[in-house]
């Protein structure tokens, strides 16, 4: 389980257009239209995620939050997620690579309609996490294949 969360903490991206800022920040090399489509797909299915969350029918839950600072946006997985009255609350699960207004372990709130992705895990399988798909091309083949095998589509 920790390995899945570690891999997912590496899979966040930015719209800032910079190249290599940190080892875990993906800033290019993926299809931006595919990423946009993945975000829209996740948003359309958010109610399904909330239903599973309410039933506590998975091991872990996370949502991806776009966070903007000084015109730069970075997307973070929030873990230990709760949901109430249209708001997700979770903990930022990785160190920032570009923005400076958040830090690892900080609590963050985001409106349901503003998330850029969601996911939950059952065992070593990942449900949701649609923004992972466009990013797989940026990873070494072995790592991408390992992660792809865990994704349930």
Protein backbone atom coordinates (compact mmCIF):
# COMPACT_ATOMS: atom_id res chain seq x y z
CA UNK A 1 0.00 0.00 0.00
CA UNK A 2 2.77 2.45 0.89
CA UNK A 3 4.43 1.73 -2.45
CA UNK A 4 1.23 2.67 -4.31
CA UNK A 5 0.94 5.93 -2.40
CA UNK A 6 4.61 6.69 -3.03
CA UNK A 7 4.18 6.07 -6.74
CA UNK A 8 1.09 8.25 -6.79
CA UNK A 9 2.79 11.04 -4.91
CA UNK A 10 5.22 11.12 -7.82
CA UNK A 11 2.38 11.49 -10.30
CA UNK A 12 1.37 15.10 -10.05
CA UNK A 13 1.80 17.74 -12.70
CA UNK A 14 1.92 21.47 -13.24
CA UNK A 15 0.55 23.91 -15.78
CA UNK A 16 3.45 26.30 -15.24
CA UNK A 17 5.33 25.18 -18.34
CA UNK A 18 8.73 24.83 -16.64
CA UNK A 19 11.02 21.90 -17.19
CA UNK A 20 12.67 19.82 -14.50
CA UNK A 21 12.05 21.49 -11.17
CA UNK A 22 12.21 18.46 -8.90
CA UNK A 23 12.51 14.71 -9.27
CA UNK A 24 8.80 14.23 -8.63
CA UNK A 25 7.30 17.05 -10.68
CA UNK A 26 6.06 16.15 -14.15
CA UNK A 27 5.97 19.34 -16.22
CA UNK A 28 5.90 18.03 -19.75
CA UNK A 29 6.29 15.09 -22.06
CA UNK A 30 2.64 14.08 -21.82
CA UNK A 31 -0.37 14.81 -24.04
CA UNK A 32 -2.02 17.92 -22.59
CA UNK A 33 -5.35 17.20 -24.33
CA UNK A 34 -5.36 13.67 -22.89
CA UNK A 35 -4.72 15.21 -19.45
CA UNK A 36 -7.60 17.66 -19.89
CA UNK A 37 -9.86 14.80 -20.99
CA UNK A 38 -8.78 12.73 -17.96
CA UNK A 39 -9.65 15.59 -15.61
CA UNK A 40 -13.09 15.98 -17.19
CA UNK A 41 -13.66 12.22 -16.98
CA UNK A 42 -12.75 12.17 -13.29
CA UNK A 43 -15.03 15.12 -12.55
CA UNK A 44 -17.96 13.40 -14.28
CA UNK A 45 -17.50 10.34 -12.06
CA UNK A 46 -16.85 12.08 -8.74
CA UNK A 47 -20.23 11.03 -7.36
CA UNK A 48 -19.24 7.38 -7.87
CA UNK A 49 -16.07 8.04 -5.83
CA UNK A 50 -18.08 9.72 -3.06
CA UNK A 51 -20.45 6.74 -2.95
CA UNK A 52 -17.56 4.30 -2.45
CA UNK A 53 -16.05 6.66 0.13
CA UNK A 54 -19.31 6.90 2.07
CA UNK A 55 -19.56 3.10 2.15
CA UNK A 56 -15.91 2.89 3.27
CA UNK A 57 -15.61 0.25 0.57
CA UNK A 58 -11.87 0.67 -0.14
CA UNK A 59 -8.52 0.81 1.62
CA UNK A 60 -7.45 4.38 0.81
CA UNK A 61 -9.03 7.45 -0.76
CA UNK A 62 -7.42 10.49 -2.37
CA UNK A 63 -8.38 13.48 -4.49
CA UNK A 64 -6.12 15.60 -6.64
CA UNK A 65 -6.21 19.34 -5.98
CA UNK A 66 -4.90 22.02 -8.32
CA UNK A 67 -3.22 24.67 -6.16
CA UNK A 68 -2.24 28.01 -7.64
CA UNK A 69 0.39 30.43 -6.35
CA UNK A 70 1.69 33.48 -8.25
CA UNK A 71 0.12 32.32 -11.52
CA UNK A 72 1.60 28.82 -11.32
CA UNK A 73 -0.54 25.75 -10.73
CA UNK A 74 0.59 22.47 -9.29
CA UNK A 75 -1.63 19.43 -8.70
CA UNK A 76 -1.32 17.54 -5.40
CA UNK A 77 -2.81 14.29 -4.19
CA UNK A 78 -4.68 14.85 -0.93
CA UNK A 79 -4.86 11.76 1.26
CA UNK A 80 -6.83 10.97 4.43
CA UNK A 81 -9.77 12.50 2.59
CA UNK A 82 -13.18 13.30 4.03
CA UNK A 83 -16.18 14.77 2.23
CA UNK A 84 -19.05 16.88 3.54
CA UNK A 85 -21.35 19.53 2.08
CA UNK A 86 -19.58 19.67 -1.28
CA UNK A 87 -16.08 20.02 0.20
CA UNK A 88 -13.22 17.54 0.31
CA UNK A 89 -10.69 17.90 3.11
CA UNK A 90 -7.40 16.07 2.95
CA UNK A 91 -3.68 16.22 3.65
CA UNK A 92 -1.14 17.28 1.02
CA UNK A 93 0.87 14.14 0.34
CA UNK A 94 3.96 15.46 -1.43
CA UNK A 95 6.40 18.35 -1.22
CA UNK A 96 5.69 21.23 -3.60
CA UNK A 97 7.93 21.60 -6.61
CA UNK A 98 6.78 25.02 -7.82
CA UNK A 99 4.15 26.62 -5.60
CA UNK A 100 5.20 27.98 -2.22
CA UNK A 101 1.83 28.49 -0.52
CA UNK A 102 1.49 24.87 0.71
CA UNK A 103 3.66 22.26 2.35
CA UNK A 104 3.72 18.52 2.84
CA UNK A 105 1.29 17.36 5.51
CA UNK A 106 -0.81 20.53 5.41
CA UNK A 107 -4.58 20.17 5.51
CA UNK A 108 -6.29 21.46 2.37
CA UNK A 109 -9.95 22.00 1.44
CA UNK A 110 -11.30 21.89 -2.08
CA UNK A 111 -14.76 22.09 -3.61
CA UNK A 112 -16.03 18.93 -5.28
CA UNK A 113 -16.21 20.62 -8.68
CA UNK A 114 -12.60 21.87 -8.45
CA UNK A 115 -10.78 18.56 -8.00
CA UNK A 116 -8.71 17.36 -10.95
CA UNK A 117 -8.89 13.65 -10.12
CA UNK A 118 -9.83 11.10 -7.48
CA UNK A 119 -8.80 7.56 -6.68
CA UNK A 120 -9.22 4.79 -4.21
CA UNK A 121 -7.35 1.55 -3.67
CA UNK A 122 -8.41 -1.99 -2.89
CA UNK A 123 -5.40 -4.14 -2.17
CA UNK A 124 -2.86 -3.25 -4.82
CA UNK A 125 -5.47 -2.09 -7.38
CA UNK A 126 -6.14 1.57 -8.15
CA UNK A 127 -9.60 2.77 -9.17
CA UNK A 128 -9.94 6.21 -10.73
CA UNK A 129 -6.66 8.08 -10.93
CA UNK A 130 -7.43 8.97 -14.53
CA UNK A 131 -4.71 11.63 -14.71
CA UNK A 132 -2.16 8.87 -14.17
CA UNK A 133 -2.76 7.51 -17.69
CA UNK A 134 -1.37 10.49 -19.66
CA UNK A 135 1.66 10.64 -17.35
CA UNK A 136 2.72 7.03 -17.86
CA UNK A 137 4.65 7.99 -21.01
CA UNK A 138 7.00 10.06 -18.83
CA UNK A 139 8.08 7.06 -16.75
CA UNK A 140 10.59 4.32 -17.49
CA UNK A 141 8.83 1.40 -19.19
CA UNK A 142 9.19 -0.98 -16.23
CA UNK A 143 7.70 1.54 -13.77
CA UNK A 144 4.92 2.48 -16.19
CA UNK A 145 4.04 -1.18 -16.80
CA UNK A 146 3.98 -1.90 -13.06
CA UNK A 147 1.65 1.00 -12.39
CA UNK A 148 -0.51 0.27 -15.45
CA UNK A 149 -1.05 -3.28 -14.13
CA UNK A 150 -2.53 -1.83 -10.92
CA UNK A 151 -5.01 0.48 -12.69
CA UNK A 152 -8.60 -0.74 -12.95
CA UNK A 153 -10.36 0.73 -15.97
